[in-house]
Amino acid sequence: MRILVLEDDRIQQGRIEQTLLDIGRSRNLRLEIDTAKNYGDVEKYSQYFDHYQLYLLDLEIDGERERGFQVAQQVRERDPFTSIVFVSTHSEALPLAFRYHLSALDFISKDQPEENYRHQLERCLDYVLAVDKRENMRLFTYSFEGRRGFTLPYHEILAFETSVESHRIKVYYANHSIKTIY
């Protein structure tokens, strides 16, 4: 499972990473964890947004209290099916996740007891693994030579069509949307 952690506090970043690795070892899971400590780091990983199964995002990054929500919006634009979990001390910001329409899987408070913190992370991993097993065989993924790709469920694809432009294909999918791919 590929995971991106966005956390600007090194101690909290280490806590998340260590907890995930402990869970992975105890369950014999292969976890690939990338960490970003600021918005610039996120930009570096943004070309791979549709390759992560789970995002663990702090809300306050670089002194901006809603930066985590902004990153989540960027993730949703690239991959509407991935799981996003907010990990923050700002539990009062939970209602904002609904205002942004981000469909967050969970909101984990950093200042809870370690046992509860670990249990919430385990439940998130369990959910992502269960969804991944069900959906893995039913996704169409496209990416070519490092160019921006995308992933769509097969049941949403209506048709493929060659484009009048050279080396391009149009993908028609649910809600009358069209993607042109190279």
Protein backbone atom coordinates (compact mmCIF):
# COMPACT_ATOMS: atom_id res chain seq x y z
CA MET A 1 0.00 0.00 0.00
CA ARG A 2 1.34 3.42 -0.94
CA ILE A 3 0.83 6.16 1.64
CA LEU A 4 1.65 9.87 1.58
CA VAL A 5 2.02 11.60 4.95
CA LEU A 6 1.89 15.41 5.05
CA GLU A 7 3.08 16.62 8.46
CA ASP A 8 5.32 19.62 9.18
CA ASP A 9 6.20 18.66 12.78
CA ARG A 10 9.07 16.15 12.68
CA ILE A 11 8.03 14.53 15.96
CA GLN A 12 4.46 13.98 14.76
CA GLN A 13 5.74 12.85 11.36
CA GLY A 14 7.93 10.27 13.08
CA ARG A 15 5.02 9.18 15.26
CA ILE A 16 2.75 8.57 12.28
CA GLU A 17 5.46 6.81 10.30
CA GLN A 18 6.55 4.60 13.22
CA THR A 19 2.97 3.66 14.07
CA LEU A 20 2.29 2.72 10.45
CA LEU A 21 5.49 0.67 10.24
CA ASP A 22 4.65 -1.12 13.51
CA ILE A 23 1.17 -1.96 12.21
CA GLY A 24 2.66 -3.11 8.91
CA ARG A 25 5.17 -5.40 10.65
CA SER A 26 2.58 -6.89 12.99
CA ARG A 27 0.25 -7.66 10.07
CA ASN A 28 2.89 -8.52 7.50
CA LEU A 29 1.81 -5.64 5.24
CA ARG A 30 4.02 -4.03 2.64
CA LEU A 31 3.72 -0.27 3.20
CA GLU A 32 5.49 2.30 1.05
CA ILE A 33 5.42 5.59 2.96
CA ASP A 34 6.40 8.93 1.46
CA THR A 35 6.59 11.94 3.76
CA ALA A 36 6.20 15.62 3.02
CA LYS A 37 6.95 18.28 5.62
CA ASN A 38 5.79 21.35 3.69
CA TYR A 39 3.79 22.40 0.68
CA GLY A 40 6.90 22.38 -1.53
CA ASP A 41 7.41 18.69 -0.76
CA VAL A 42 3.79 18.00 -1.69
CA GLU A 43 4.39 19.65 -5.07
CA LYS A 44 7.23 17.17 -5.62
CA TYR A 45 4.84 14.24 -5.09
CA SER A 46 1.85 15.78 -6.89
CA GLN A 47 2.62 14.03 -10.18
CA TYR A 48 2.05 10.74 -8.34
CA PHE A 49 -1.21 11.71 -6.58
CA ASP A 50 -3.18 8.99 -8.33
CA HIS A 51 -0.71 6.29 -7.22
CA TYR A 52 -1.34 6.54 -3.46
CA GLN A 53 -4.04 4.50 -1.73
CA LEU A 54 -4.00 6.58 1.47
CA TYR A 55 -3.20 10.17 2.39
CA LEU A 56 -2.61 11.21 5.99
CA LEU A 57 -2.75 15.01 6.02
CA ASP A 58 -2.12 17.50 8.79
CA LEU A 59 -4.36 20.55 8.49
CA GLU A 60 -1.92 23.28 9.45
CA ILE A 61 1.11 23.34 7.16
CA ASP A 62 3.60 26.19 6.69
CA GLY A 63 1.60 28.23 9.24
CA GLU A 64 -1.55 28.07 7.11
CA ARG A 65 -4.36 26.52 9.09
CA GLU A 66 -6.36 25.09 6.16
CA ARG A 67 -3.44 24.05 3.91
CA GLY A 68 -4.23 20.35 4.46
CA PHE A 69 -7.72 20.90 3.05
CA GLN A 70 -6.22 22.61 0.00
CA VAL A 71 -3.88 19.67 -0.58
CA ALA A 72 -6.84 17.29 -0.20
CA GLN A 73 -8.71 19.24 -2.90
CA GLN A 74 -5.75 18.81 -5.26
CA VAL A 75 -5.67 15.10 -4.49
CA ARG A 76 -9.42 14.78 -5.16
CA GLU A 77 -9.02 16.49 -8.54
CA ARG A 78 -6.48 13.86 -9.59
CA ASP A 79 -7.95 10.83 -7.81
CA PRO A 80 -11.54 10.99 -6.59
CA PHE A 81 -11.41 7.42 -5.24
CA THR A 82 -8.45 7.49 -2.87
CA SER A 83 -8.76 7.60 0.93
CA ILE A 84 -7.91 10.80 2.79
CA VAL A 85 -7.47 10.96 6.55
CA PHE A 86 -6.85 14.20 8.42
CA VAL A 87 -4.49 13.98 11.39
CA SER A 88 -4.53 17.15 13.47
CA THR A 89 -4.69 18.77 16.89
CA HIS A 90 -7.36 21.11 15.48
CA SER A 91 -10.39 18.90 16.05
CA GLU A 92 -12.57 22.01 15.89
CA ALA A 93 -11.77 22.13 12.16
CA LEU A 94 -13.57 18.83 11.48
CA PRO A 95 -16.73 20.55 10.13
CA LEU A 96 -14.59 22.32 7.52
CA ALA A 97 -13.89 18.97 5.86
CA PHE A 98 -17.57 18.88 4.94
CA ARG A 99 -17.51 22.44 3.61
CA TYR A 100 -14.70 21.46 1.24
CA HIS A 101 -16.62 18.30 0.13
CA LEU A 102 -13.55 16.10 0.48
CA SER A 103 -15.15 12.81 1.53
CA ALA A 104 -12.55 12.21 4.22
CA LEU A 105 -12.32 8.68 5.57
CA ASP A 106 -11.45 9.78 9.11
CA PHE A 107 -10.23 12.61 11.31
CA ILE A 108 -7.59 11.49 13.81
CA SER A 109 -6.76 13.70 16.77
CA LYS A 110 -3.05 13.83 17.58
CA ASP A 111 -3.62 14.51 21.26
CA GLN A 112 -5.43 11.27 22.10
CA PRO A 113 -3.89 8.32 23.97
CA GLU A 114 -1.43 6.28 21.90
CA GLU A 115 -3.59 3.15 21.98
CA ASN A 116 -6.59 5.00 20.51
CA TYR A 117 -4.36 6.73 17.95
CA ARG A 118 -2.95 3.40 16.78
CA HIS A 119 -6.40 1.79 16.70
CA GLN A 120 -7.76 4.56 14.46
CA LEU A 121 -4.82 4.21 12.07
CA GLU A 122 -5.33 0.42 12.00
CA ARG A 123 -9.00 0.85 11.15
CA CYS A 124 -8.10 3.21 8.31
CA LEU A 125 -5.57 0.73 6.93
CA ASP A 126 -8.13 -2.09 7.22
CA TYR A 127 -10.68 -0.06 5.29
CA VAL A 128 -8.24 0.86 2.52
CA LEU A 129 -7.08 -2.75 2.20
CA ALA A 130 -10.67 -4.01 1.97
CA VAL A 131 -11.61 -1.43 -0.66
CA ASP A 132 -8.39 -2.04 -2.57
CA LYS A 133 -9.09 -5.78 -2.77
CA ARG A 134 -12.60 -5.19 -4.09
CA GLU A 135 -11.72 -2.45 -6.55
CA ASN A 136 -8.25 -3.45 -7.72
CA MET A 137 -9.50 -5.64 -10.52
CA ARG A 138 -12.11 -3.14 -11.66
CA LEU A 139 -10.05 0.00 -12.31
CA PHE A 140 -8.75 1.37 -15.57
CA THR A 141 -5.45 3.20 -15.06
CA TYR A 142 -3.66 5.20 -17.72
CA SER A 143 -0.22 6.80 -17.59
CA PHE A 144 2.35 7.11 -20.36
CA GLU A 145 6.04 8.02 -20.18
CA GLY A 146 5.73 9.98 -16.95
CA ARG A 147 2.88 12.10 -18.21
CA ARG A 148 -0.05 12.81 -15.98
CA GLY A 149 -2.32 9.79 -15.84
CA PHE A 150 -5.67 8.97 -14.34
CA THR A 151 -7.69 6.12 -12.87
CA LEU A 152 -11.37 5.39 -13.49
CA PRO A 153 -13.63 2.54 -12.44
CA TYR A 154 -14.46 0.40 -15.48
CA HIS A 155 -18.18 0.69 -14.81
CA GLU A 156 -18.00 4.47 -15.40
CA ILE A 157 -16.33 4.19 -18.82
CA LEU A 158 -18.84 4.52 -21.62
CA ALA A 159 -16.64 4.62 -24.73
CA PHE A 160 -13.22 5.26 -26.27
CA GLU A 161 -12.86 7.30 -29.45
CA THR A 162 -9.90 8.36 -31.56
CA SER A 163 -9.43 12.10 -31.62
CA VAL A 164 -9.01 14.26 -34.71
CA GLU A 165 -5.75 15.40 -33.12
CA SER A 166 -2.80 13.11 -33.75
CA HIS A 167 -1.96 10.49 -31.09
CA ARG A 168 -4.94 11.29 -28.86
CA ILE A 169 -7.86 9.26 -27.59
CA LYS A 170 -11.03 10.51 -25.94
CA VAL A 171 -12.51 8.60 -23.02
CA TYR A 172 -16.21 9.17 -22.39
CA TYR A 173 -17.28 8.33 -18.87
CA ALA A 174 -20.19 8.79 -16.46
CA ASN A 175 -21.86 12.19 -16.11
CA HIS A 176 -21.07 13.05 -19.75
CA SER A 177 -17.45 13.83 -18.92
CA ILE A 178 -14.67 13.49 -21.46
CA LYS A 179 -10.94 12.99 -20.95
CA THR A 180 -8.47 13.38 -23.79
CA ILE A 181 -5.39 11.22 -23.33
CA TYR A 182 -2.09 11.28 -25.20
